[in-house]
């Protein structure tokens, strides 16, 4: 098990779009495993992207299993080069981030989502149809891979809050 250090804003890597990756590359497969390991030992964490551990690559892990806001749950998802195929039913919701530990914010995101990406290790192209909290988590991680933080998506300073619960 390898646990990686999570970088915090304003680290440059967090504001830079990650590069597309070869999902068969051994280093990418190892990175995918390390992202899951790091996510698992981080209390309250439901997703982690490569830029959050200092790697400018389009790879992330998401698992909303057991989260009270989750409706559809696909278990542990690790995707390379993911992209949104369809997005609808936009809703505002509160988000936080391990790379911005002291703040949360209200972000408008699609509540129904189709995402396509490649599986590390096989390169298989898959599509995931989901909703609610899992859809929000996927969009949050795809944003990380594009060099965006949730703070880039809030409507303004009035939609940013000091985090009340520290995990």
N, C-alpha and C. Protein backbone atom coordinates (compact mmCIF):
# COMPACT_ATOMS: atom_id res chain seq x y z
N UNK A 1 0.84 -1.18 0.00
CA UNK A 1 0.00 0.00 0.00
C UNK A 1 0.89 1.24 0.00
N UNK A 2 0.57 2.15 -0.91
CA UNK A 2 1.29 3.42 -0.98
C UNK A 2 0.30 4.55 -0.77
N UNK A 3 0.56 5.37 0.23
CA UNK A 3 -0.27 6.54 0.50
C UNK A 3 0.51 7.77 0.05
N UNK A 4 -0.09 8.53 -0.84
CA UNK A 4 0.56 9.71 -1.41
C UNK A 4 0.17 10.96 -0.63
N UNK A 5 1.03 11.96 -0.68
CA UNK A 5 0.74 13.23 -0.01
C UNK A 5 -0.17 14.05 -0.91
N UNK A 6 -1.23 14.60 -0.33
CA UNK A 6 -2.18 15.43 -1.07
C UNK A 6 -1.67 16.87 -1.05
N UNK A 7 -1.57 17.47 -2.24
CA UNK A 7 -1.12 18.86 -2.34
C UNK A 7 -2.31 19.79 -2.12
N UNK A 8 -2.01 20.98 -1.68
CA UNK A 8 -3.06 21.96 -1.38
C UNK A 8 -2.93 23.18 -2.28
N UNK A 9 -4.07 23.81 -2.52
CA UNK A 9 -4.08 25.08 -3.26
C UNK A 9 -3.23 26.05 -2.47
N UNK A 10 -2.43 26.85 -3.14
CA UNK A 10 -2.42 27.17 -4.57
C UNK A 10 -1.37 26.43 -5.40
N UNK A 11 -1.10 25.18 -5.11
CA UNK A 11 -0.10 24.43 -5.88
C UNK A 11 -0.40 24.53 -7.38
N UNK A 12 0.62 24.80 -8.16
CA UNK A 12 0.48 25.01 -9.61
C UNK A 12 -0.18 23.84 -10.31
N UNK A 13 0.13 22.62 -9.90
CA UNK A 13 -0.42 21.43 -10.56
C UNK A 13 -1.95 21.40 -10.49
N UNK A 14 -2.52 22.00 -9.45
CA UNK A 14 -3.98 21.99 -9.30
C UNK A 14 -4.68 22.91 -10.30
N UNK A 15 -3.95 23.87 -10.85
CA UNK A 15 -4.53 24.80 -11.81
C UNK A 15 -4.10 24.54 -13.24
N UNK A 16 -3.51 23.38 -13.48
CA UNK A 16 -3.01 23.03 -14.80
C UNK A 16 -3.72 21.78 -15.30
N UNK A 17 -4.21 21.81 -16.52
CA UNK A 17 -4.88 20.63 -17.09
C UNK A 17 -3.90 19.47 -17.16
N UNK A 18 -4.36 18.31 -16.70
CA UNK A 18 -3.54 17.11 -16.76
C UNK A 18 -3.43 16.59 -18.18
N UNK A 19 -2.37 15.85 -18.43
CA UNK A 19 -2.16 15.28 -19.76
C UNK A 19 -2.93 13.96 -19.90
N UNK A 20 -3.41 13.69 -21.12
CA UNK A 20 -4.01 12.40 -21.40
C UNK A 20 -2.96 11.32 -21.15
N UNK A 21 -3.41 10.15 -20.73
CA UNK A 21 -2.47 9.09 -20.36
C UNK A 21 -2.74 7.81 -21.15
N UNK A 22 -1.75 6.94 -21.15
CA UNK A 22 -1.90 5.60 -21.70
C UNK A 22 -2.33 4.71 -20.54
N UNK A 23 -3.57 4.22 -20.55
CA UNK A 23 -4.06 3.43 -19.41
C UNK A 23 -3.34 2.09 -19.25
N UNK A 24 -2.53 1.70 -20.21
CA UNK A 24 -1.76 0.45 -20.11
C UNK A 24 -0.37 0.67 -19.53
N UNK A 25 0.06 1.91 -19.44
CA UNK A 25 1.37 2.24 -18.90
C UNK A 25 1.45 1.78 -17.44
N UNK A 26 2.53 1.06 -17.10
CA UNK A 26 2.67 0.52 -15.74
C UNK A 26 2.66 1.61 -14.67
N UNK A 27 3.25 2.77 -14.98
CA UNK A 27 3.26 3.86 -14.01
C UNK A 27 1.85 4.40 -13.76
N UNK A 28 1.02 4.41 -14.79
CA UNK A 28 -0.36 4.88 -14.64
C UNK A 28 -1.17 3.87 -13.84
N UNK A 29 -0.95 2.59 -14.09
CA UNK A 29 -1.65 1.54 -13.34
C UNK A 29 -1.26 1.64 -11.86
N UNK A 30 0.02 1.88 -11.57
CA UNK A 30 0.47 2.03 -10.19
C UNK A 30 -0.13 3.30 -9.57
N UNK A 31 -0.16 4.39 -10.33
CA UNK A 31 -0.76 5.63 -9.85
C UNK A 31 -2.23 5.40 -9.48
N UNK A 32 -2.95 4.67 -10.32
CA UNK A 32 -4.36 4.38 -10.06
C UNK A 32 -4.51 3.63 -8.73
N UNK A 33 -3.67 2.65 -8.50
CA UNK A 33 -3.69 1.89 -7.24
C UNK A 33 -3.37 2.80 -6.05
N UNK A 34 -2.37 3.66 -6.22
CA UNK A 34 -1.98 4.57 -5.14
C UNK A 34 -3.08 5.58 -4.83
N UNK A 35 -3.81 6.03 -5.86
CA UNK A 35 -4.93 6.96 -5.62
C UNK A 35 -6.00 6.29 -4.76
N UNK A 36 -6.32 5.04 -5.08
CA UNK A 36 -7.32 4.31 -4.29
C UNK A 36 -6.83 4.11 -2.86
N UNK A 37 -5.56 3.71 -2.70
CA UNK A 37 -5.00 3.52 -1.36
C UNK A 37 -5.07 4.81 -0.55
N UNK A 38 -4.72 5.92 -1.17
CA UNK A 38 -4.70 7.21 -0.48
C UNK A 38 -6.13 7.63 -0.12
N UNK A 39 -7.05 7.42 -1.04
CA UNK A 39 -8.46 7.76 -0.80
C UNK A 39 -9.00 6.95 0.38
N UNK A 40 -8.67 5.68 0.44
CA UNK A 40 -9.20 4.78 1.48
C UNK A 40 -8.77 5.18 2.89
N UNK A 41 -7.56 5.73 3.03
CA UNK A 41 -7.08 6.08 4.37
C UNK A 41 -7.39 7.52 4.75
N UNK A 42 -8.07 8.25 3.87
CA UNK A 42 -8.39 9.65 4.11
C UNK A 42 -9.85 9.76 4.54
N UNK A 43 -10.12 10.06 5.81
CA UNK A 43 -11.49 10.10 6.31
C UNK A 43 -12.38 11.04 5.51
N UNK A 44 -13.55 10.54 5.13
CA UNK A 44 -14.52 11.35 4.41
C UNK A 44 -14.24 11.52 2.93
N UNK A 45 -13.13 10.99 2.45
CA UNK A 45 -12.76 11.18 1.04
C UNK A 45 -13.57 10.24 0.14
N UNK A 46 -14.19 10.81 -0.90
CA UNK A 46 -14.96 10.01 -1.86
C UNK A 46 -14.36 10.08 -3.26
N UNK A 47 -13.27 10.81 -3.42
CA UNK A 47 -12.62 10.91 -4.72
C UNK A 47 -11.27 11.57 -4.61
N UNK A 48 -10.37 11.18 -5.53
CA UNK A 48 -9.03 11.74 -5.53
C UNK A 48 -8.49 11.67 -6.95
N UNK A 49 -7.96 12.80 -7.43
CA UNK A 49 -7.43 12.88 -8.78
C UNK A 49 -5.91 13.02 -8.75
N UNK A 50 -5.27 12.59 -9.83
CA UNK A 50 -3.81 12.65 -9.93
C UNK A 50 -3.24 14.03 -9.62
N UNK A 51 -3.83 15.13 -10.13
CA UNK A 51 -3.26 16.44 -9.79
C UNK A 51 -3.24 16.72 -8.29
N UNK A 52 -4.13 16.11 -7.54
CA UNK A 52 -4.16 16.33 -6.09
C UNK A 52 -2.99 15.68 -5.37
N UNK A 53 -2.30 14.77 -6.06
CA UNK A 53 -1.10 14.17 -5.48
C UNK A 53 0.13 14.62 -6.26
N UNK A 54 -0.01 15.74 -6.97
CA UNK A 54 1.12 16.35 -7.65
C UNK A 54 1.47 15.80 -9.01
N UNK A 55 0.57 15.01 -9.59
CA UNK A 55 0.83 14.41 -10.90
C UNK A 55 -0.13 14.99 -11.93
N UNK A 56 0.41 15.63 -12.95
CA UNK A 56 -0.40 16.28 -13.98
C UNK A 56 -0.91 15.29 -15.01
N UNK A 57 -1.83 14.43 -14.59
CA UNK A 57 -2.35 13.37 -15.45
C UNK A 57 -3.86 13.24 -15.29
N UNK A 58 -4.51 12.75 -16.32
CA UNK A 58 -5.96 12.57 -16.29
C UNK A 58 -6.32 11.18 -15.77
N UNK A 59 -6.19 11.03 -14.47
CA UNK A 59 -6.51 9.78 -13.78
C UNK A 59 -7.16 10.16 -12.46
N UNK A 60 -8.23 9.45 -12.08
CA UNK A 60 -8.85 9.70 -10.78
C UNK A 60 -9.55 8.46 -10.28
N UNK A 61 -9.83 8.47 -8.98
CA UNK A 61 -10.59 7.41 -8.32
C UNK A 61 -11.78 8.04 -7.62
N UNK A 62 -12.93 7.34 -7.62
CA UNK A 62 -14.14 7.77 -6.92
C UNK A 62 -14.78 6.55 -6.29
N UNK A 63 -15.27 6.71 -5.06
CA UNK A 63 -16.07 5.67 -4.42
C UNK A 63 -16.99 6.34 -3.40
N UNK A 64 -18.28 6.37 -3.70
CA UNK A 64 -19.26 7.00 -2.80
C UNK A 64 -20.02 5.97 -1.97
N UNK A 65 -19.55 4.74 -1.95
CA UNK A 65 -20.20 3.67 -1.20
C UNK A 65 -20.40 4.09 0.26
N UNK A 66 -21.63 3.97 0.74
CA UNK A 66 -21.95 4.27 2.13
C UNK A 66 -22.20 5.74 2.42
N UNK A 67 -22.04 6.61 1.43
CA UNK A 67 -22.28 8.03 1.68
C UNK A 67 -23.79 8.27 1.73
N UNK A 68 -24.27 9.02 2.72
CA UNK A 68 -25.72 9.21 2.88
C UNK A 68 -26.40 9.94 1.73
N UNK A 69 -25.67 10.73 0.94
CA UNK A 69 -26.27 11.44 -0.18
C UNK A 69 -26.25 10.64 -1.48
N UNK A 70 -25.62 9.48 -1.47
CA UNK A 70 -25.50 8.66 -2.69
C UNK A 70 -26.79 7.89 -2.95
N UNK A 71 -27.22 7.88 -4.20
CA UNK A 71 -28.35 7.05 -4.62
C UNK A 71 -27.81 5.91 -5.48
N UNK A 72 -27.26 6.25 -6.61
CA UNK A 72 -26.63 5.26 -7.47
C UNK A 72 -25.17 5.12 -7.03
N UNK A 73 -24.72 3.87 -6.88
CA UNK A 73 -23.36 3.61 -6.42
C UNK A 73 -22.75 2.52 -7.30
N UNK A 74 -21.63 2.86 -7.94
CA UNK A 74 -20.92 1.89 -8.78
C UNK A 74 -19.71 1.30 -8.07
N UNK A 75 -19.53 1.59 -6.79
CA UNK A 75 -18.37 1.09 -6.07
C UNK A 75 -17.13 1.90 -6.43
N UNK A 76 -15.99 1.26 -6.35
CA UNK A 76 -14.74 1.96 -6.66
C UNK A 76 -14.59 2.09 -8.17
N UNK A 77 -14.50 3.33 -8.63
CA UNK A 77 -14.30 3.64 -10.04
C UNK A 77 -12.94 4.30 -10.19
N UNK A 78 -12.12 3.80 -11.11
CA UNK A 78 -10.87 4.45 -11.44
C UNK A 78 -10.87 4.62 -12.95
N UNK A 79 -10.74 5.88 -13.39
CA UNK A 79 -10.82 6.18 -14.81
C UNK A 79 -9.63 7.00 -15.29
N UNK A 80 -9.26 6.75 -16.52
CA UNK A 80 -8.25 7.53 -17.22
C UNK A 80 -8.94 8.28 -18.35
N UNK A 81 -8.50 9.50 -18.61
CA UNK A 81 -8.97 10.28 -19.75
C UNK A 81 -10.50 10.39 -19.79
N UNK A 82 -11.10 10.60 -18.63
CA UNK A 82 -12.56 10.63 -18.54
C UNK A 82 -13.12 11.93 -19.11
N UNK A 83 -14.33 11.84 -19.61
CA UNK A 83 -15.01 13.01 -20.15
C UNK A 83 -16.51 12.85 -19.93
N UNK A 84 -17.19 13.99 -19.81
CA UNK A 84 -18.64 14.00 -19.67
C UNK A 84 -19.25 13.83 -21.06
N UNK A 85 -20.16 12.85 -21.18
CA UNK A 85 -20.84 12.59 -22.45
C UNK A 85 -22.20 13.28 -22.46
N UNK A 86 -22.92 13.19 -21.33
CA UNK A 86 -24.23 13.84 -21.18
C UNK A 86 -24.34 14.37 -19.76
N UNK A 87 -24.97 15.54 -19.64
CA UNK A 87 -25.19 16.15 -18.33
C UNK A 87 -26.53 16.87 -18.34
N UNK A 88 -27.34 16.63 -17.30
CA UNK A 88 -28.64 17.28 -17.22
C UNK A 88 -29.08 17.41 -15.77
N UNK A 89 -30.20 18.08 -15.58
CA UNK A 89 -30.82 18.28 -14.26
C UNK A 89 -29.85 18.95 -13.28
N UNK A 90 -29.42 20.14 -13.63
CA UNK A 90 -28.44 20.88 -12.84
C UNK A 90 -29.00 21.30 -11.50
N UNK A 91 -28.18 21.09 -10.45
CA UNK A 91 -28.56 21.46 -9.09
C UNK A 91 -27.35 22.01 -8.34
N UNK A 92 -27.63 22.92 -7.42
CA UNK A 92 -26.58 23.46 -6.57
C UNK A 92 -26.39 22.53 -5.37
N UNK A 93 -25.15 22.34 -4.97
CA UNK A 93 -24.85 21.52 -3.80
C UNK A 93 -23.52 21.93 -3.19
N UNK A 94 -23.34 21.60 -1.92
CA UNK A 94 -22.13 21.96 -1.18
C UNK A 94 -21.03 20.96 -1.48
N UNK A 95 -19.83 21.48 -1.73
CA UNK A 95 -18.66 20.63 -1.99
C UNK A 95 -17.49 21.07 -1.13
N UNK A 96 -16.65 20.10 -0.85
CA UNK A 96 -15.38 20.34 -0.19
C UNK A 96 -14.30 19.59 -0.94
N UNK A 97 -13.06 19.74 -0.51
CA UNK A 97 -11.95 19.13 -1.24
C UNK A 97 -10.75 18.99 -0.33
N UNK A 98 -10.05 17.88 -0.45
CA UNK A 98 -8.85 17.68 0.36
C UNK A 98 -7.76 18.69 0.02
N UNK A 99 -7.78 19.22 -1.19
CA UNK A 99 -6.78 20.20 -1.60
C UNK A 99 -7.14 21.62 -1.19
N UNK A 100 -8.35 21.80 -0.68
CA UNK A 100 -8.82 23.09 -0.14
C UNK A 100 -9.49 22.77 1.19
N UNK A 101 -8.71 22.36 2.19
CA UNK A 101 -9.28 21.77 3.40
C UNK A 101 -10.07 22.71 4.30
N UNK A 102 -9.88 24.00 4.19
CA UNK A 102 -10.53 24.93 5.11
C UNK A 102 -11.82 25.53 4.58
N UNK A 103 -12.20 25.21 3.33
CA UNK A 103 -13.37 25.83 2.72
C UNK A 103 -14.30 24.81 2.10
N UNK A 104 -15.57 25.20 1.99
CA UNK A 104 -16.55 24.47 1.18
C UNK A 104 -17.23 25.52 0.31
N UNK A 105 -17.99 25.05 -0.66
CA UNK A 105 -18.68 26.01 -1.52
C UNK A 105 -19.87 25.40 -2.21
N UNK A 106 -20.80 26.25 -2.62
CA UNK A 106 -21.98 25.82 -3.37
C UNK A 106 -21.63 25.81 -4.85
N UNK A 107 -21.79 24.65 -5.47
CA UNK A 107 -21.42 24.46 -6.87
C UNK A 107 -22.61 23.87 -7.62
N UNK A 108 -22.93 24.44 -8.77
CA UNK A 108 -24.01 23.91 -9.61
C UNK A 108 -23.42 22.84 -10.52
N UNK A 109 -23.98 21.63 -10.43
CA UNK A 109 -23.50 20.50 -11.23
C UNK A 109 -24.69 19.70 -11.74
N UNK A 110 -24.43 18.90 -12.75
CA UNK A 110 -25.45 18.01 -13.30
C UNK A 110 -25.80 16.94 -12.27
N UNK A 111 -27.09 16.70 -12.10
CA UNK A 111 -27.56 15.66 -11.19
C UNK A 111 -27.74 14.32 -11.91
N UNK A 112 -27.79 14.37 -13.24
CA UNK A 112 -27.81 13.14 -14.06
C UNK A 112 -26.64 13.25 -15.00
N UNK A 113 -25.88 12.15 -15.14
CA UNK A 113 -24.60 12.23 -15.83
C UNK A 113 -24.25 10.93 -16.53
N UNK A 114 -23.65 11.07 -17.70
CA UNK A 114 -23.01 9.95 -18.37
C UNK A 114 -21.55 10.35 -18.58
N UNK A 115 -20.65 9.51 -18.09
CA UNK A 115 -19.21 9.75 -18.20
C UNK A 115 -18.59 8.58 -18.94
N UNK A 116 -17.63 8.87 -19.82
CA UNK A 116 -16.87 7.84 -20.52
C UNK A 116 -15.40 7.97 -20.12
N UNK A 117 -14.72 6.86 -20.04
CA UNK A 117 -13.30 6.86 -19.71
C UNK A 117 -12.72 5.48 -19.93
N UNK A 118 -11.42 5.38 -19.70
CA UNK A 118 -10.72 4.12 -19.90
C UNK A 118 -10.29 3.54 -18.55
N UNK A 119 -10.32 2.23 -18.46
CA UNK A 119 -9.90 1.55 -17.24
C UNK A 119 -8.38 1.37 -17.25
N UNK A 120 -7.72 1.74 -16.15
CA UNK A 120 -6.28 1.50 -16.08
C UNK A 120 -6.00 0.00 -16.06
N UNK A 121 -4.97 -0.39 -16.78
CA UNK A 121 -4.59 -1.81 -16.81
C UNK A 121 -5.10 -2.54 -18.03
N UNK A 122 -6.30 -2.16 -18.50
CA UNK A 122 -6.85 -2.84 -19.69
C UNK A 122 -7.06 -1.87 -20.85
N UNK A 123 -7.30 -0.62 -20.54
CA UNK A 123 -7.59 0.37 -21.58
C UNK A 123 -9.02 0.30 -22.07
N UNK A 124 -9.81 -0.60 -21.49
CA UNK A 124 -11.21 -0.74 -21.92
C UNK A 124 -11.95 0.59 -21.75
N UNK A 125 -12.67 0.99 -22.79
CA UNK A 125 -13.49 2.20 -22.76
C UNK A 125 -14.84 1.83 -22.15
N UNK A 126 -15.24 2.55 -21.09
CA UNK A 126 -16.53 2.28 -20.46
C UNK A 126 -17.34 3.56 -20.37
N UNK A 127 -18.64 3.40 -20.21
CA UNK A 127 -19.54 4.52 -19.95
C UNK A 127 -20.27 4.24 -18.65
N UNK A 128 -20.38 5.26 -17.83
CA UNK A 128 -21.07 5.15 -16.55
C UNK A 128 -22.23 6.13 -16.56
N UNK A 129 -23.42 5.63 -16.27
CA UNK A 129 -24.60 6.48 -16.13
C UNK A 129 -24.93 6.53 -14.65
N UNK A 130 -25.02 7.74 -14.12
CA UNK A 130 -25.23 7.86 -12.68
C UNK A 130 -26.00 9.14 -12.37
N UNK A 131 -26.20 9.37 -11.07
CA UNK A 131 -26.95 10.54 -10.64
C UNK A 131 -26.51 10.97 -9.25
N UNK A 132 -27.14 12.02 -8.78
CA UNK A 132 -27.01 12.50 -7.40
C UNK A 132 -25.54 12.69 -6.99
N UNK A 133 -25.19 12.17 -5.83
CA UNK A 133 -23.87 12.43 -5.25
C UNK A 133 -22.74 11.83 -6.07
N UNK A 134 -22.96 10.64 -6.63
CA UNK A 134 -21.90 10.03 -7.44
C UNK A 134 -21.64 10.89 -8.69
N UNK A 135 -22.69 11.45 -9.29
CA UNK A 135 -22.51 12.33 -10.44
C UNK A 135 -21.69 13.55 -10.04
N UNK A 136 -21.98 14.12 -8.89
CA UNK A 136 -21.25 15.29 -8.40
C UNK A 136 -19.78 14.94 -8.17
N UNK A 137 -19.52 13.81 -7.55
CA UNK A 137 -18.14 13.40 -7.27
C UNK A 137 -17.35 13.19 -8.57
N UNK A 138 -17.97 12.57 -9.56
CA UNK A 138 -17.29 12.36 -10.84
C UNK A 138 -16.96 13.69 -11.51
N UNK A 139 -17.90 14.62 -11.51
CA UNK A 139 -17.64 15.92 -12.12
C UNK A 139 -16.53 16.67 -11.38
N UNK A 140 -16.51 16.55 -10.07
CA UNK A 140 -15.48 17.20 -9.25
C UNK A 140 -14.09 16.69 -9.65
N UNK A 141 -13.96 15.35 -9.80
CA UNK A 141 -12.66 14.76 -10.15
C UNK A 141 -12.27 15.05 -11.60
N UNK A 142 -13.24 15.03 -12.50
CA UNK A 142 -12.95 15.40 -13.90
C UNK A 142 -12.45 16.84 -13.95
N UNK A 143 -13.05 17.71 -13.15
CA UNK A 143 -12.57 19.09 -13.07
C UNK A 143 -11.12 19.14 -12.61
N UNK A 144 -10.75 18.36 -11.59
CA UNK A 144 -9.35 18.34 -11.14
C UNK A 144 -8.43 18.00 -12.30
N UNK A 145 -8.81 17.01 -13.10
CA UNK A 145 -7.98 16.59 -14.24
C UNK A 145 -7.88 17.69 -15.30
N UNK A 146 -8.84 18.61 -15.30
CA UNK A 146 -8.84 19.74 -16.24
C UNK A 146 -8.20 20.99 -15.64
N UNK A 147 -7.68 20.88 -14.42
CA UNK A 147 -7.03 22.02 -13.78
C UNK A 147 -7.98 22.96 -13.07
N UNK A 148 -9.16 22.47 -12.69
CA UNK A 148 -10.15 23.30 -12.01
C UNK A 148 -10.41 22.80 -10.60
N UNK A 149 -10.59 23.74 -9.68
CA UNK A 149 -11.02 23.44 -8.33
C UNK A 149 -12.49 23.81 -8.19
N UNK A 150 -13.15 23.30 -7.17
CA UNK A 150 -14.56 23.68 -6.96
C UNK A 150 -14.70 25.18 -6.78
N UNK A 151 -13.67 25.83 -6.27
CA UNK A 151 -13.70 27.29 -6.10
C UNK A 151 -13.83 28.01 -7.44
N UNK A 152 -13.37 27.38 -8.52
CA UNK A 152 -13.51 27.96 -9.86
C UNK A 152 -14.94 27.89 -10.36
N UNK A 153 -15.78 27.11 -9.70
CA UNK A 153 -17.16 26.89 -10.13
C UNK A 153 -18.21 27.58 -9.26
N UNK A 154 -17.80 28.15 -8.13
CA UNK A 154 -18.79 28.83 -7.27
C UNK A 154 -19.23 30.14 -7.91
N UNK A 155 -20.43 30.58 -7.55
CA UNK A 155 -21.00 31.80 -8.15
C UNK A 155 -20.31 33.07 -7.67
N UNK A 156 -19.61 33.00 -6.56
CA UNK A 156 -18.93 34.17 -6.01
C UNK A 156 -18.58 33.94 -4.56
N UNK A 157 -17.99 34.95 -3.94
CA UNK A 157 -17.55 34.83 -2.54
C UNK A 157 -18.70 34.49 -1.59
N UNK A 158 -19.91 34.91 -1.93
CA UNK A 158 -21.07 34.62 -1.09
C UNK A 158 -21.40 33.12 -1.03
N UNK A 159 -20.82 32.33 -1.95
CA UNK A 159 -21.09 30.89 -2.00
C UNK A 159 -19.93 30.06 -1.47
N UNK A 160 -19.00 30.69 -0.75
CA UNK A 160 -17.85 30.01 -0.16
C UNK A 160 -17.97 30.12 1.36
N UNK A 161 -17.69 29.02 2.06
CA UNK A 161 -17.88 28.96 3.51
C UNK A 161 -16.67 28.34 4.19
N UNK A 162 -16.42 28.76 5.42
CA UNK A 162 -15.39 28.11 6.23
C UNK A 162 -15.90 26.71 6.58
N UNK A 163 -15.03 25.72 6.44
CA UNK A 163 -15.44 24.35 6.76
C UNK A 163 -15.70 24.25 8.25
N UNK A 164 -16.85 23.68 8.60
CA UNK A 164 -17.24 23.58 10.00
C UNK A 164 -16.80 22.28 10.64
N UNK A 165 -16.66 21.23 9.83
CA UNK A 165 -16.26 19.93 10.35
C UNK A 165 -14.94 19.54 9.71
N UNK A 166 -13.95 19.28 10.53
CA UNK A 166 -12.65 18.86 10.01
C UNK A 166 -12.55 17.36 10.13
N UNK A 167 -12.25 16.72 9.02
CA UNK A 167 -12.18 15.26 9.00
C UNK A 167 -10.78 14.79 9.24
